[in-house]
Amino acid sequence: MDEEEFKRCITNPLWIFLLADDSNKICGFIYANAKDMDKPFEEKYACLVYIVVLPDYRNQGVAQALYTHCVKDLKEKWITHMYCRANIEWQWEIVEFMKKQEFIEGHKYMRMDKRL
């Protein structure tokens, strides 16, 4: 995450950005985009963009705590669904974490790139 994206995340009321800390040291964060919040849809979606925990703090419940608080905040904003994307080739840990949160596999996409 670059500095500009970070600034947008922490100031936009349509996004959830939470930090986990240990003695004033940031050890993880979660960021969900809740841009459907103000739309008149019955089903409102949020995208879980990032959930990051430093290696020394993994397997200690930090990700679970961040996720639980994020879901609570999203529900307070009337969000009804959440989705996320992960690259199964190298982000298998997040895939396993999300499966534990009862996410199910959704659509299959192919990323296509072109250098301009």
Protein backbone atom coordinates (compact mmCIF):
# COMPACT_ATOMS: atom_id res chain seq x y z
CA MET A 1 0.00 0.00 0.00
CA ASP A 2 1.49 3.30 -1.00
CA GLU A 3 1.24 6.50 1.04
CA GLU A 4 -1.51 8.05 -1.10
CA GLU A 5 -3.73 4.97 -0.78
CA PHE A 6 -3.10 4.91 2.97
CA LYS A 7 -4.20 8.55 3.32
CA ARG A 8 -7.41 7.84 1.39
CA CYS A 9 -8.12 4.76 3.48
CA ILE A 10 -7.93 6.43 6.85
CA THR A 11 -10.01 9.47 5.87
CA ASN A 12 -12.84 8.01 3.76
CA PRO A 13 -16.02 7.32 5.80
CA LEU A 14 -17.07 4.65 3.28
CA TRP A 15 -14.06 2.51 4.16
CA ILE A 16 -13.15 0.56 7.25
CA PHE A 17 -9.49 0.78 8.25
CA LEU A 18 -8.44 -0.78 11.55
CA LEU A 19 -5.02 -1.20 13.12
CA ALA A 20 -3.76 -3.79 15.59
CA ASP A 21 -0.94 -2.71 17.84
CA ASP A 22 1.32 -4.13 20.48
CA SER A 23 2.79 -1.54 22.83
CA ASN A 24 2.28 1.22 20.23
CA LYS A 25 3.86 -0.87 17.46
CA ILE A 26 1.59 -1.60 14.53
CA CYS A 27 1.42 -5.36 14.06
CA GLY A 28 -1.43 -5.62 11.56
CA PHE A 29 -4.27 -3.90 9.77
CA ILE A 30 -7.46 -4.57 7.86
CA TYR A 31 -9.02 -2.44 5.15
CA ALA A 32 -12.47 -2.97 3.64
CA ASN A 33 -14.06 -0.79 0.99
CA ALA A 34 -17.73 -0.27 1.88
CA LYS A 35 -18.61 1.93 -1.08
CA ASP A 36 -22.10 0.37 -1.40
CA MET A 37 -23.01 1.83 1.99
CA ASP A 38 -24.82 4.85 0.58
CA LYS A 39 -26.46 3.08 -2.36
CA PRO A 40 -30.16 2.16 -2.30
CA PHE A 41 -29.52 -1.56 -2.84
CA GLU A 42 -31.07 -4.27 -0.71
CA GLU A 43 -27.81 -6.21 -0.77
CA LYS A 44 -24.81 -4.04 -0.02
CA TYR A 45 -21.31 -5.36 -0.62
CA ALA A 46 -17.95 -4.51 0.86
CA CYS A 47 -14.63 -5.66 -0.51
CA LEU A 48 -12.02 -6.87 1.95
CA VAL A 49 -9.01 -5.29 0.29
CA TYR A 50 -6.23 -6.01 2.79
CA ILE A 51 -5.75 -8.03 5.93
CA VAL A 52 -2.10 -7.97 6.95
CA VAL A 53 -0.34 -9.24 10.05
CA LEU A 54 3.41 -9.03 10.59
CA PRO A 55 5.06 -12.48 10.66
CA ASP A 56 5.99 -12.28 14.37
CA TYR A 57 2.31 -11.78 15.27
CA ARG A 58 0.74 -14.48 13.10
CA ASN A 59 -1.16 -17.40 14.64
CA GLN A 60 -1.91 -15.32 17.75
CA GLY A 61 -5.46 -14.23 16.89
CA VAL A 62 -4.55 -10.81 15.47
CA ALA A 63 -6.12 -11.44 12.06
CA GLN A 64 -9.22 -12.92 13.68
CA ALA A 65 -9.63 -9.91 15.98
CA LEU A 66 -9.21 -7.46 13.08
CA TYR A 67 -11.68 -9.42 10.95
CA THR A 68 -14.26 -9.65 13.77
CA HIS A 69 -14.13 -5.89 14.43
CA CYS A 70 -14.28 -5.13 10.72
CA VAL A 71 -17.41 -7.27 10.25
CA LYS A 72 -19.03 -5.55 13.24
CA ASP A 73 -18.29 -2.11 11.76
CA LEU A 74 -19.56 -3.17 8.32
CA LYS A 75 -22.82 -4.44 9.79
CA GLU A 76 -23.27 -1.10 11.56
CA LYS A 77 -23.01 0.52 8.12
CA TRP A 78 -25.76 -1.83 6.83
CA ILE A 79 -23.39 -3.88 4.68
CA THR A 80 -24.93 -7.30 4.03
CA HIS A 81 -22.17 -9.13 2.11
CA MET A 82 -18.40 -9.14 1.87
CA TYR A 83 -16.08 -10.49 -0.78
CA CYS A 84 -12.35 -10.68 -1.21
CA ARG A 85 -9.83 -11.67 -3.82
CA ALA A 86 -6.67 -13.67 -3.29
CA ASN A 87 -4.09 -15.12 -5.61
CA ILE A 88 -4.15 -18.85 -4.86
CA GLU A 89 -0.65 -19.25 -6.27
CA TRP A 90 1.02 -17.29 -3.49
CA GLN A 91 -1.65 -16.04 -1.08
CA TRP A 92 -2.75 -19.46 0.17
CA GLU A 93 -2.64 -18.32 3.82
CA ILE A 94 -5.33 -15.68 3.24
CA VAL A 95 -7.39 -18.21 1.26
CA GLU A 96 -7.29 -20.62 4.21
CA PHE A 97 -8.11 -17.82 6.68
CA MET A 98 -11.12 -16.70 4.62
CA LYS A 99 -12.39 -20.28 4.33
CA LYS A 100 -12.32 -20.44 8.14
CA GLN A 101 -14.51 -17.31 8.11
CA GLU A 102 -17.03 -19.27 5.98
CA PHE A 103 -16.23 -17.56 2.69
CA ILE A 104 -16.94 -19.78 -0.29
CA GLU A 105 -15.19 -19.79 -3.63
CA GLY A 106 -16.87 -17.42 -6.01
CA HIS A 107 -16.24 -16.48 -9.58
CA LYS A 108 -13.08 -17.49 -11.37
CA TYR A 109 -11.27 -14.65 -13.12
CA MET A 110 -8.21 -14.44 -15.27
CA ARG A 111 -6.01 -11.41 -14.86
CA MET A 112 -4.65 -10.09 -18.11
CA ASP A 113 -1.88 -7.51 -18.27
CA LYS A 114 -0.41 -5.32 -20.97
CA ARG A 115 2.49 -2.97 -20.60
CA LEU A 116 1.78 0.40 -22.20
